[in-house]
Amino acid sequence: MGEYLKEVVLDIQKHKPEIVIEEVNTDEDHIHVLVSIPPKYPVSHVVNLLKSNTGRKMREKFKFLDKVYWGSEGIWSIGYFVSTVGINEETIRKYIEYQGREDSGQAKLEF
């Protein structure tokens, strides 16, 4: 599922090329995305675009999600975390790239 989710996220660039998906990594229950958003788009708009498109595509591909999330509008929680790159962008890239291994204790990163 994670690989398909990455494909769907990256596919958004085909329809909105000005939104640049820099990094994507998934874990069992969440996804991390490094996105470059032009100033004309509010962050909330891009998050909504990502969540609605990925949720719809995931439900189309994996029909069992309709049973898991029965009576629910989507597969994502209503919240999200956003941070601007005011710190070293490379640090964020490394975190996203290795976040699955870091969460399971397989990688040791120094920030």
PDB file of N, CA and C in Angstrom:
ATOM      1  N   MET A   1       0.818  -1.196   0.000  1.00  0.00           N
ATOM      2  CA  MET A   1       0.000   0.000   0.000  1.00  0.00           C
ATOM      3  C   MET A   1       0.862   1.261   0.000  1.00  0.00           C
ATOM      4  N   GLY A   2       1.969   1.195   0.737  1.00  0.00           N
ATOM      5  CA  GLY A   2       2.836   2.355   0.842  1.00  0.00           C
ATOM      6  C   GLY A   2       3.406   2.791  -0.492  1.00  0.00           C
ATOM      7  N   GLU A   3       3.817   1.821  -1.297  1.00  0.00           N
ATOM      8  CA  GLU A   3       4.380   2.165  -2.608  1.00  0.00           C
ATOM      9  C   GLU A   3       3.324   2.787  -3.515  1.00  0.00           C
ATOM     10  N   TYR A   4       2.099   2.260  -3.456  1.00  0.00           N
ATOM     11  CA  TYR A   4       1.020   2.835  -4.258  1.00  0.00           C
ATOM     12  C   TYR A   4       0.717   4.256  -3.785  1.00  0.00           C
ATOM     13  N   LEU A   5       0.712   4.463  -2.489  1.00  0.00           N
ATOM     14  CA  LEU A   5       0.458   5.792  -1.936  1.00  0.00           C
ATOM     15  C   LEU A   5       1.516   6.783  -2.418  1.00  0.00           C
ATOM     16  N   LYS A   6       2.770   6.367  -2.447  1.00  0.00           N
ATOM     17  CA  LYS A   6       3.832   7.238  -2.962  1.00  0.00           C
ATOM     18  C   LYS A   6       3.563   7.607  -4.421  1.00  0.00           C
ATOM     19  N   GLU A   7       3.160   6.617  -5.220  1.00  0.00           N
ATOM     20  CA  GLU A   7       2.851   6.878  -6.632  1.00  0.00           C
ATOM     21  C   GLU A   7       1.742   7.915  -6.774  1.00  0.00           C
ATOM     22  N   VAL A   8       0.703   7.769  -5.961  1.00  0.00           N
ATOM     23  CA  VAL A   8      -0.437   8.687  -6.033  1.00  0.00           C
ATOM     24  C   VAL A   8      -0.007  10.106  -5.647  1.00  0.00           C
ATOM     25  N   VAL A   9       0.795  10.219  -4.609  1.00  0.00           N
ATOM     26  CA  VAL A   9       1.278  11.544  -4.189  1.00  0.00           C
ATOM     27  C   VAL A   9       2.108  12.171  -5.300  1.00  0.00           C
ATOM     28  N   LEU A  10       3.023  11.406  -5.866  1.00  0.00           N
ATOM     29  CA  LEU A  10       3.874  11.941  -6.940  1.00  0.00           C
ATOM     30  C   LEU A  10       3.071  12.277  -8.189  1.00  0.00           C
ATOM     31  N   ASP A  11       1.970  11.576  -8.410  1.00  0.00           N
ATOM     32  CA  ASP A  11       1.111  11.817  -9.572  1.00  0.00           C
ATOM     33  C   ASP A  11       0.447  13.197  -9.517  1.00  0.00           C
ATOM     34  N   ILE A  12       0.316  13.752  -8.340  1.00  0.00           N
ATOM     35  CA  ILE A  12      -0.314  15.069  -8.188  1.00  0.00           C
ATOM     36  C   ILE A  12       0.467  16.130  -8.968  1.00  0.00           C
ATOM     37  N   GLN A  13       1.783  15.963  -9.069  1.00  0.00           N
ATOM     38  CA  GLN A  13       2.612  16.913  -9.828  1.00  0.00           C
ATOM     39  C   GLN A  13       2.230  16.967 -11.300  1.00  0.00           C
ATOM     40  N   LYS A  14       1.701  15.871 -11.841  1.00  0.00           N
ATOM     41  CA  LYS A  14       1.294  15.872 -13.252  1.00  0.00           C
ATOM     42  C   LYS A  14       0.150  16.850 -13.496  1.00  0.00           C
ATOM     43  N   HIS A  15      -0.712  16.987 -12.501  1.00  0.00           N
ATOM     44  CA  HIS A  15      -1.881  17.853 -12.638  1.00  0.00           C
ATOM     45  C   HIS A  15      -1.627  19.267 -12.103  1.00  0.00           C
ATOM     46  N   LYS A  16      -0.698  19.365 -11.165  1.00  0.00           N
ATOM     47  CA  LYS A  16      -0.335  20.662 -10.574  1.00  0.00           C
ATOM     48  C   LYS A  16       1.193  20.762 -10.554  1.00  0.00           C
ATOM     49  N   PRO A  17       1.818  20.987 -11.719  1.00  0.00           N
ATOM     50  CA  PRO A  17       3.285  20.963 -11.784  1.00  0.00           C
ATOM     51  C   PRO A  17       3.974  22.026 -10.931  1.00  0.00           C
ATOM     52  N   GLU A  18       3.259  23.069 -10.563  1.00  0.00           N
ATOM     53  CA  GLU A  18       3.868  24.100  -9.724  1.00  0.00           C
ATOM     54  C   GLU A  18       4.006  23.656  -8.263  1.00  0.00           C
ATOM     55  N   ILE A  19       3.302  22.582  -7.878  1.00  0.00           N
ATOM     56  CA  ILE A  19       3.463  21.985  -6.559  1.00  0.00           C
ATOM     57  C   ILE A  19       4.484  20.863  -6.714  1.00  0.00           C
ATOM     58  N   VAL A  20       5.646  21.047  -6.121  1.00  0.00           N
ATOM     59  CA  VAL A  20       6.748  20.107  -6.316  1.00  0.00           C
ATOM     60  C   VAL A  20       6.862  19.185  -5.098  1.00  0.00           C
ATOM     61  N   ILE A  21       6.690  17.896  -5.346  1.00  0.00           N
ATOM     62  CA  ILE A  21       6.842  16.895  -4.300  1.00  0.00           C
ATOM     63  C   ILE A  21       8.319  16.528  -4.263  1.00  0.00           C
ATOM     64  N   GLU A  22       9.005  16.939  -3.209  1.00  0.00           N
ATOM     65  CA  GLU A  22      10.446  16.729  -3.093  1.00  0.00           C
ATOM     66  C   GLU A  22      10.778  15.339  -2.532  1.00  0.00           C
ATOM     67  N   GLU A  23      10.093  14.931  -1.488  1.00  0.00           N
ATOM     68  CA  GLU A  23      10.348  13.647  -0.824  1.00  0.00           C
ATOM     69  C   GLU A  23       9.021  13.077  -0.337  1.00  0.00           C
ATOM     70  N   VAL A  24       8.913  11.745  -0.375  1.00  0.00           N
ATOM     71  CA  VAL A  24       7.734  11.050   0.148  1.00  0.00           C
ATOM     72  C   VAL A  24       8.219   9.782   0.833  1.00  0.00           C
ATOM     73  N   ASN A  25       7.702   9.527   2.021  1.00  0.00           N
ATOM     74  CA  ASN A  25       7.976   8.265   2.695  1.00  0.00           C
ATOM     75  C   ASN A  25       6.764   7.903   3.535  1.00  0.00           C
ATOM     76  N   THR A  26       6.465   6.623   3.555  1.00  0.00           N
ATOM     77  CA  THR A  26       5.309   6.154   4.312  1.00  0.00           C
ATOM     78  C   THR A  26       5.753   5.248   5.444  1.00  0.00           C
ATOM     79  N   ASP A  27       4.897   5.152   6.438  1.00  0.00           N
ATOM     80  CA  ASP A  27       5.084   4.220   7.535  1.00  0.00           C
ATOM     81  C   ASP A  27       3.768   3.474   7.685  1.00  0.00           C
ATOM     82  N   GLU A  28       3.644   2.664   8.696  1.00  0.00           N
ATOM     83  CA  GLU A  28       2.424   1.859   8.850  1.00  0.00           C
ATOM     84  C   GLU A  28       1.173   2.709   8.967  1.00  0.00           C
ATOM     85  N   ASP A  29       1.271   3.847   9.641  1.00  0.00           N
ATOM     86  CA  ASP A  29       0.057   4.617   9.903  1.00  0.00           C
ATOM     87  C   ASP A  29       0.172   6.105   9.580  1.00  0.00           C
ATOM     88  N   HIS A  30       1.218   6.497   8.857  1.00  0.00           N
ATOM     89  CA  HIS A  30       1.329   7.906   8.484  1.00  0.00           C
ATOM     90  C   HIS A  30       2.259   8.075   7.285  1.00  0.00           C
ATOM     91  N   ILE A  31       2.264   9.273   6.763  1.00  0.00           N
ATOM     92  CA  ILE A  31       3.086   9.603   5.598  1.00  0.00           C
ATOM     93  C   ILE A  31       3.788  10.927   5.866  1.00  0.00           C
ATOM     94  N   HIS A  32       5.002  11.051   5.367  1.00  0.00           N
ATOM     95  CA  HIS A  32       5.754  12.292   5.451  1.00  0.00           C
ATOM     96  C   HIS A  32       6.017  12.753   4.028  1.00  0.00           C
ATOM     97  N   VAL A  33       5.774  14.027   3.774  1.00  0.00           N
ATOM     98  CA  VAL A  33       5.959  14.578   2.434  1.00  0.00           C
ATOM     99  C   VAL A  33       6.668  15.922   2.561  1.00  0.00           C
ATOM    100  N   LEU A  34       7.713  16.108   1.767  1.00  0.00           N
ATOM    101  CA  LEU A  34       8.378  17.399   1.663  1.00  0.00           C
ATOM    102  C   LEU A  34       7.894  18.019   0.356  1.00  0.00           C
ATOM    103  N   VAL A  35       7.201  19.147   0.462  1.00  0.00           N
ATOM    104  CA  VAL A  35       6.544  19.764  -0.687  1.00  0.00           C
ATOM    105  C   VAL A  35       6.999  21.212  -0.828  1.00  0.00           C
ATOM    106  N   SER A  36       7.254  21.607  -2.055  1.00  0.00           N
ATOM    107  CA  SER A  36       7.524  23.002  -2.346  1.00  0.00           C
ATOM    108  C   SER A  36       6.242  23.597  -2.925  1.00  0.00           C
ATOM    109  N   ILE A  37       5.690  24.565  -2.200  1.00  0.00           N
ATOM    110  CA  ILE A  37       4.395  25.148  -2.569  1.00  0.00           C
ATOM    111  C   ILE A  37       4.591  26.596  -2.986  1.00  0.00           C
ATOM    112  N   PRO A  38       4.086  26.975  -4.166  1.00  0.00           N
ATOM    113  CA  PRO A  38       4.209  28.391  -4.567  1.00  0.00           C
ATOM    114  C   PRO A  38       3.343  29.272  -3.673  1.00  0.00           C
ATOM    115  N   PRO A  39       3.729  30.525  -3.502  1.00  0.00           N
ATOM    116  CA  PRO A  39       3.003  31.427  -2.593  1.00  0.00           C
ATOM    117  C   PRO A  39       1.525  31.622  -2.927  1.00  0.00           C
ATOM    118  N   LYS A  40       1.127  31.346  -4.169  1.00  0.00           N
ATOM    119  CA  LYS A  40      -0.278  31.567  -4.535  1.00  0.00           C
ATOM    120  C   LYS A  40      -1.219  30.542  -3.907  1.00  0.00           C
ATOM    121  N   TYR A  41      -0.673  29.439  -3.380  1.00  0.00           N
ATOM    122  CA  TYR A  41      -1.503  28.399  -2.759  1.00  0.00           C
ATOM    123  C   TYR A  41      -1.379  28.422  -1.250  1.00  0.00           C
ATOM    124  N   PRO A  42      -2.499  28.461  -0.542  1.00  0.00           N
ATOM    125  CA  PRO A  42      -2.428  28.287   0.910  1.00  0.00           C
ATOM    126  C   PRO A  42      -2.006  26.841   1.234  1.00  0.00           C
ATOM    127  N   VAL A  43      -1.252  26.676   2.286  1.00  0.00           N
ATOM    128  CA  VAL A  43      -0.808  25.336   2.695  1.00  0.00           C
ATOM    129  C   VAL A  43      -2.015  24.422   2.889  1.00  0.00           C
ATOM    130  N   SER A  44      -3.074  24.928   3.502  1.00  0.00           N
ATOM    131  CA  SER A  44      -4.259  24.106   3.752  1.00  0.00           C
ATOM    132  C   SER A  44      -4.867  23.585   2.449  1.00  0.00           C
ATOM    133  N   HIS A  45      -4.798  24.374   1.386  1.00  0.00           N
ATOM    134  CA  HIS A  45      -5.311  23.940   0.076  1.00  0.00           C
ATOM    135  C   HIS A  45      -4.510  22.745  -0.440  1.00  0.00           C
ATOM    136  N   VAL A  46      -3.194  22.811  -0.322  1.00  0.00           N
ATOM    137  CA  VAL A  46      -2.339  21.728  -0.816  1.00  0.00           C
ATOM    138  C   VAL A  46      -2.521  20.475   0.044  1.00  0.00           C
ATOM    139  N   VAL A  47      -2.637  20.640   1.342  1.00  0.00           N
ATOM    140  CA  VAL A  47      -2.878  19.484   2.215  1.00  0.00           C
ATOM    141  C   VAL A  47      -4.207  18.840   1.848  1.00  0.00           C
ATOM    142  N   ASN A  48      -5.239  19.643   1.636  1.00  0.00           N
ATOM    143  CA  ASN A  48      -6.549  19.115   1.231  1.00  0.00           C
ATOM    144  C   ASN A  48      -6.450  18.385  -0.107  1.00  0.00           C
ATOM    145  N   LEU A  49      -5.707  18.948  -1.039  1.00  0.00           N
ATOM    146  CA  LEU A  49      -5.500  18.318  -2.341  1.00  0.00           C
ATOM    147  C   LEU A  49      -4.826  16.951  -2.173  1.00  0.00           C
ATOM    148  N   LEU A  50      -3.777  16.904  -1.381  1.00  0.00           N
ATOM    149  CA  LEU A  50      -3.068  15.646  -1.134  1.00  0.00           C
ATOM    150  C   LEU A  50      -3.968  14.611  -0.455  1.00  0.00           C
ATOM    151  N   LYS A  51      -4.658  15.030   0.594  1.00  0.00           N
ATOM    152  CA  LYS A  51      -5.476  14.089   1.353  1.00  0.00           C
ATOM    153  C   LYS A  51      -6.683  13.596   0.552  1.00  0.00           C
ATOM    154  N   SER A  52      -7.343  14.483  -0.141  1.00  0.00           N
ATOM    155  CA  SER A  52      -8.542  14.060  -0.875  1.00  0.00           C
ATOM    156  C   SER A  52      -8.189  13.157  -2.053  1.00  0.00           C
ATOM    157  N   ASN A  53      -7.151  13.508  -2.799  1.00  0.00           N
ATOM    158  CA  ASN A  53      -6.763  12.681  -3.942  1.00  0.00           C
ATOM    159  C   ASN A  53      -6.214  11.326  -3.511  1.00  0.00           C
ATOM    160  N   THR A  54      -5.361  11.318  -2.517  1.00  0.00           N
ATOM    161  CA  THR A  54      -4.801  10.037  -2.078  1.00  0.00           C
ATOM    162  C   THR A  54      -5.870   9.164  -1.431  1.00  0.00           C
ATOM    163  N   GLY A  55      -6.740   9.765  -0.645  1.00  0.00           N
ATOM    164  CA  GLY A  55      -7.813   8.989  -0.016  1.00  0.00           C
ATOM    165  C   GLY A  55      -8.733   8.346  -1.037  1.00  0.00           C
ATOM    166  N   ARG A  56      -9.120   9.113  -2.035  1.00  0.00           N
ATOM    167  CA  ARG A  56     -10.007   8.589  -3.079  1.00  0.00           C
ATOM    168  C   ARG A  56      -9.326   7.464  -3.851  1.00  0.00           C
ATOM    169  N   LYS A  57      -8.088   7.680  -4.266  1.00  0.00           N
ATOM    170  CA  LYS A  57      -7.359   6.662  -5.040  1.00  0.00           C
ATOM    171  C   LYS A  57      -7.106   5.402  -4.213  1.00  0.00           C
ATOM    172  N   MET A  58      -6.797   5.575  -2.943  1.00  0.00           N
ATOM    173  CA  MET A  58      -6.557   4.409  -2.078  1.00  0.00           C
ATOM    174  C   MET A  58      -7.828   3.580  -1.925  1.00  0.00           C
ATOM    175  N   ARG A  59      -8.969   4.248  -1.761  1.00  0.00           N
ATOM    176  CA  ARG A  59     -10.237   3.510  -1.637  1.00  0.00           C
ATOM    177  C   ARG A  59     -10.619   2.816  -2.940  1.00  0.00           C
ATOM    178  N   GLU A  60     -10.292   3.422  -4.076  1.00  0.00           N
ATOM    179  CA  GLU A  60     -10.574   2.782  -5.363  1.00  0.00           C
ATOM    180  C   GLU A  60      -9.723   1.529  -5.547  1.00  0.00           C
ATOM    181  N   LYS A  61      -8.465   1.609  -5.173  1.00  0.00           N
ATOM    182  CA  LYS A  61      -7.532   0.496  -5.382  1.00  0.00           C
ATOM    183  C   LYS A  61      -7.692  -0.600  -4.327  1.00  0.00           C
ATOM    184  N   PHE A  62      -7.923  -0.208  -3.080  1.00  0.00           N
ATOM    185  CA  PHE A  62      -8.016  -1.159  -1.968  1.00  0.00           C
ATOM    186  C   PHE A  62      -9.434  -1.110  -1.396  1.00  0.00           C
ATOM    187  N   LYS A  63     -10.314  -1.918  -1.970  1.00  0.00           N
ATOM    188  CA  LYS A  63     -11.746  -1.889  -1.633  1.00  0.00           C
ATOM    189  C   LYS A  63     -12.018  -2.175  -0.155  1.00  0.00           C
ATOM    190  N   PHE A  64     -11.135  -2.929   0.500  1.00  0.00           N
ATOM    191  CA  PHE A  64     -11.366  -3.244   1.914  1.00  0.00           C
ATOM    192  C   PHE A  64     -11.358  -1.989   2.789  1.00  0.00           C
ATOM    193  N   LEU A  65     -10.773  -0.895   2.311  1.00  0.00           N
ATOM    194  CA  LEU A  65     -10.763   0.349   3.083  1.00  0.00           C
ATOM    195  C   LEU A  65     -12.172   0.897   3.287  1.00  0.00           C
ATOM    196  N   ASP A  66     -13.083   0.610   2.348  1.00  0.00           N
ATOM    197  CA  ASP A  66     -14.476   1.037   2.525  1.00  0.00           C
ATOM    198  C   ASP A  66     -15.098   0.382   3.753  1.00  0.00           C
ATOM    199  N   LYS A  67     -14.709  -0.844   4.043  1.00  0.00           N
ATOM    200  CA  LYS A  67     -15.224  -1.533   5.227  1.00  0.00           C
ATOM    201  C   LYS A  67     -14.550  -1.031   6.493  1.00  0.00           C
ATOM    202  N   VAL A  68     -13.252  -0.774   6.408  1.00  0.00           N
ATOM    203  CA  VAL A  68     -12.503  -0.287   7.566  1.00  0.00           C
ATOM    204  C   VAL A  68     -12.977   1.109   7.960  1.00  0.00           C
ATOM    205  N   TYR A  69     -13.231   1.960   6.963  1.00  0.00           N
ATOM    206  CA  TYR A  69     -13.632   3.340   7.216  1.00  0.00           C
ATOM    207  C   TYR A  69     -15.098   3.560   6.857  1.00  0.00           C
ATOM    208  N   TRP A  70     -15.933   2.584   7.121  1.00  0.00           N
ATOM    209  CA  TRP A  70     -17.360   2.658   6.829  1.00  0.00           C
ATOM    210  C   TRP A  70     -17.971   3.849   7.560  1.00  0.00           C
ATOM    211  N   GLY A  71     -18.767   4.623   6.845  1.00  0.00           N
ATOM    212  CA  GLY A  71     -19.440   5.778   7.430  1.00  0.00           C
ATOM    213  C   GLY A  71     -18.525   6.980   7.611  1.00  0.00           C
ATOM    214  N   SER A  72     -17.333   6.880   7.096  1.00  0.00           N
ATOM    215  CA  SER A  72     -16.355   7.949   7.231  1.00  0.00           C
ATOM    216  C   SER A  72     -16.118   8.583   5.868  1.00  0.00           C
ATOM    217  N   GLU A  73     -15.869   9.861   5.875  1.00  0.00           N
ATOM    218  CA  GLU A  73     -15.620  10.584   4.625  1.00  0.00           C
ATOM    219  C   GLU A  73     -14.303  10.177   3.970  1.00  0.00           C
ATOM    220  N   GLY A  74     -13.283   9.935   4.760  1.00  0.00           N
ATOM    221  CA  GLY A  74     -11.983   9.633   4.185  1.00  0.00           C
ATOM    222  C   GLY A  74     -11.175   8.710   5.055  1.00  0.00           C
ATOM    223  N   ILE A  75      -9.963   8.426   4.605  1.00  0.00           N
ATOM    224  CA  ILE A  75      -9.097   7.534   5.363  1.00  0.00           C
ATOM    225  C   ILE A  75      -8.117   8.303   6.247  1.00  0.00           C
ATOM    226  N   TRP A  76      -8.011   9.603   6.056  1.00  0.00           N
ATOM    227  CA  TRP A  76      -7.061  10.405   6.813  1.00  0.00           C
ATOM    228  C   TRP A  76      -7.720  11.062   8.014  1.00  0.00           C
ATOM    229  N   SER A  77      -6.942  11.312   9.042  1.00  0.00           N
ATOM    230  CA  SER A  77      -7.450  12.067  10.189  1.00  0.00           C
ATOM    231  C   SER A  77      -7.652  13.522   9.770  1.00  0.00           C
ATOM    232  N   ILE A  78      -8.387  14.270  10.566  1.00  0.00           N
ATOM    233  CA  ILE A  78      -8.687  15.648  10.182  1.00  0.00           C
ATOM    234  C   ILE A  78      -7.493  16.581  10.359  1.00  0.00           C
ATOM    235  N   GLY A  79      -6.538  16.204  11.175  1.00  0.00           N
ATOM    236  CA  GLY A  79      -5.402  17.075  11.442  1.00  0.00           C
ATOM    237  C   GLY A  79      -4.214  16.798  10.541  1.00  0.00           C
ATOM    238  N   TYR A  80      -3.235  17.689  10.634  1.00  0.00           N
ATOM    239  CA  TYR A  80      -1.981  17.503   9.933  1.00  0.00           C
ATOM    240  C   TYR A  80      -0.942  18.389  10.588  1.00  0.00           C
ATOM    241  N   PHE A  81       0.314  18.066  10.362  1.00  0.00           N
ATOM    242  CA  PHE A  81       1.408  18.882  10.872  1.00  0.00           C
ATOM    243  C   PHE A  81       2.152  19.487   9.696  1.00  0.00           C
ATOM    244  N   VAL A  82       2.423  20.775   9.774  1.00  0.00           N
ATOM    245  CA  VAL A  82       3.155  21.473   8.724  1.00  0.00           C
ATOM    246  C   VAL A  82       4.246  22.295   9.384  1.00  0.00           C
ATOM    247  N   SER A  83       5.400  22.279   8.763  1.00  0.00           N
ATOM    248  CA  SER A  83       6.481  23.140   9.209  1.00  0.00           C
ATOM    249  C   SER A  83       7.159  23.712   7.979  1.00  0.00           C
ATOM    250  N   THR A  84       7.507  24.970   8.046  1.00  0.00           N
ATOM    251  CA  THR A  84       8.234  25.567   6.932  1.00  0.00           C
ATOM    252  C   THR A  84       9.711  25.256   7.086  1.00  0.00           C
ATOM    253  N   VAL A  85      10.421  25.323   5.998  1.00  0.00           N
ATOM    254  CA  VAL A  85      11.843  25.015   6.034  1.00  0.00           C
ATOM    255  C   VAL A  85      12.597  26.264   6.456  1.00  0.00           C
ATOM    256  N   GLY A  86      12.577  26.498   7.747  1.00  0.00           N
ATOM    257  CA  GLY A  86      13.363  27.575   8.311  1.00  0.00           C
ATOM    258  C   GLY A  86      14.654  27.010   8.862  1.00  0.00           C
ATOM    259  N   ILE A  87      14.678  25.685   9.001  1.00  0.00           N
ATOM    260  CA  ILE A  87      15.898  25.011   9.425  1.00  0.00           C
ATOM    261  C   ILE A  87      16.511  24.346   8.217  1.00  0.00           C
ATOM    262  N   ASN A  88      17.549  23.649   8.402  1.00  0.00           N
ATOM    263  CA  ASN A  88      18.279  23.004   7.326  1.00  0.00           C
ATOM    264  C   ASN A  88      17.377  22.039   6.561  1.00  0.00           C
ATOM    265  N   GLU A  89      17.152  22.316   5.277  1.00  0.00           N
ATOM    266  CA  GLU A  89      16.289  21.474   4.452  1.00  0.00           C
ATOM    267  C   GLU A  89      16.834  20.059   4.347  1.00  0.00           C
ATOM    268  N   GLU A  90      18.133  19.909   4.326  1.00  0.00           N
ATOM    269  CA  GLU A  90      18.744  18.577   4.245  1.00  0.00           C
ATOM    270  C   GLU A  90      18.372  17.728   5.458  1.00  0.00           C
ATOM    271  N   THR A  91      18.248  18.338   6.617  1.00  0.00           N
ATOM    272  CA  THR A  91      17.836  17.619   7.822  1.00  0.00           C
ATOM    273  C   THR A  91      16.435  17.056   7.641  1.00  0.00           C
ATOM    274  N   ILE A  92      15.547  17.848   7.082  1.00  0.00           N
ATOM    275  CA  ILE A  92      14.177  17.391   6.853  1.00  0.00           C
ATOM    276  C   ILE A  92      14.155  16.270   5.825  1.00  0.00           C
ATOM    277  N   ARG A  93      14.925  16.414   4.756  1.00  0.00           N
ATOM    278  CA  ARG A  93      15.006  15.366   3.737  1.00  0.00           C
ATOM    279  C   ARG A  93      15.471  14.040   4.342  1.00  0.00           C
ATOM    280  N   LYS A  94      16.512  14.089   5.157  1.00  0.00           N
ATOM    281  CA  LYS A  94      17.024  12.861   5.787  1.00  0.00           C
ATOM    282  C   LYS A  94      15.975  12.254   6.703  1.00  0.00           C
ATOM    283  N   TYR A  95      15.292  13.088   7.457  1.00  0.00           N
ATOM    284  CA  TYR A  95      14.257  12.575   8.355  1.00  0.00           C
ATOM    285  C   TYR A  95      13.176  11.849   7.571  1.00  0.00           C
ATOM    286  N   ILE A  96      12.703  12.456   6.496  1.00  0.00           N
ATOM    287  CA  ILE A  96      11.648  11.837   5.691  1.00  0.00           C
ATOM    288  C   ILE A  96      12.146  10.555   5.046  1.00  0.00           C
ATOM    289  N   GLU A  97      13.352  10.579   4.526  1.00  0.00           N
ATOM    290  CA  GLU A  97      13.901   9.404   3.860  1.00  0.00           C
ATOM    291  C   GLU A  97      14.031   8.220   4.815  1.00  0.00           C
ATOM    292  N   TYR A  98      14.444   8.485   6.037  1.00  0.00           N
ATOM    293  CA  TYR A  98      14.721   7.402   6.982  1.00  0.00           C
ATOM    294  C   TYR A  98      13.686   7.250   8.081  1.00  0.00           C
ATOM    295  N   GLN A  99      12.561   7.956   7.996  1.00  0.00           N
ATOM    296  CA  GLN A  99      11.624   7.969   9.120  1.00  0.00           C
ATOM    297  C   GLN A  99      11.085   6.603   9.480  1.00  0.00           C
ATOM    298  N   GLY A 100      10.841   5.732   8.529  1.00  0.00           N
ATOM    299  CA  GLY A 100      10.349   4.394   8.846  1.00  0.00           C
ATOM    300  C   GLY A 100      11.362   3.602   9.626  1.00  0.00           C
ATOM    301  N   ARG A 101      12.620   3.668   9.226  1.00  0.00           N
ATOM    302  CA  ARG A 101      13.681   2.967   9.934  1.00  0.00           C
ATOM    303  C   ARG A 101      13.939   3.598  11.289  1.00  0.00           C
ATOM    304  N   GLU A 102      13.851   4.918  11.362  1.00  0.00           N
ATOM    305  CA  GLU A 102      14.067   5.617  12.621  1.00  0.00           C
ATOM    306  C   GLU A 102      13.008   5.221  13.642  1.00  0.00           C
ATOM    307  N   ASP A 103      11.738   5.170  13.199  1.00  0.00           N
ATOM    308  CA  ASP A 103      10.645   4.813  14.096  1.00  0.00           C
ATOM    309  C   ASP A 103      10.805   3.404  14.637  1.00  0.00           C
ATOM    310  N   SER A 104      11.393   2.504  13.845  1.00  0.00           N
ATOM    311  CA  SER A 104      11.551   1.123  14.287  1.00  0.00           C
ATOM    312  C   SER A 104      12.900   0.879  14.946  1.00  0.00           C
ATOM    313  N   GLY A 105      13.722   1.922  15.061  1.00  0.00           N
ATOM    314  CA  GLY A 105      15.006   1.799  15.725  1.00  0.00           C
ATOM    315  C   GLY A 105      16.111   1.263  14.836  1.00  0.00           C
ATOM    316  N   GLN A 106      15.885   1.167  13.522  1.00  0.00           N
ATOM    317  CA  GLN A 106      16.890   0.614  12.617  1.00  0.00           C
ATOM    318  C   GLN A 106      17.906   1.651  12.167  1.00  0.00           C
ATOM    319  N   ALA A 107      17.577   2.913  12.220  1.00  0.00           N
ATOM    320  CA  ALA A 107      18.501   3.948  11.773  1.00  0.00           C
ATOM    321  C   ALA A 107      18.802   4.881  12.919  1.00  0.00           C
ATOM    322  N   LYS A 108      19.997   5.367  12.967  1.00  0.00           N
ATOM    323  CA  LYS A 108      20.387   6.337  13.990  1.00  0.00           C
ATOM    324  C   LYS A 108      20.803   7.608  13.279  1.00  0.00           C
ATOM    325  N   LEU A 109      19.974   8.628  13.390  1.00  0.00           N
ATOM    326  CA  LEU A 109      20.256   9.910  12.740  1.00  0.00           C
ATOM    327  C   LEU A 109      20.613  10.944  13.791  1.00  0.00           C
ATOM    328  N   GLU A 110      21.482  11.838  13.417  1.00  0.00           N
ATOM    329  CA  GLU A 110      21.802  12.944  14.284  1.00  0.00           C
ATOM    330  C   GLU A 110      21.297  14.220  13.631  1.00  0.00           C
ATOM    331  N   PHE A 111      20.481  14.962  14.354  1.00  0.00           N
ATOM    332  CA  PHE A 111      19.928  16.202  13.826  1.00  0.00           C
ATOM    333  C   PHE A 111      20.631  17.386  14.423  1.00  0.00           C
TER     334      PHE A 111
END
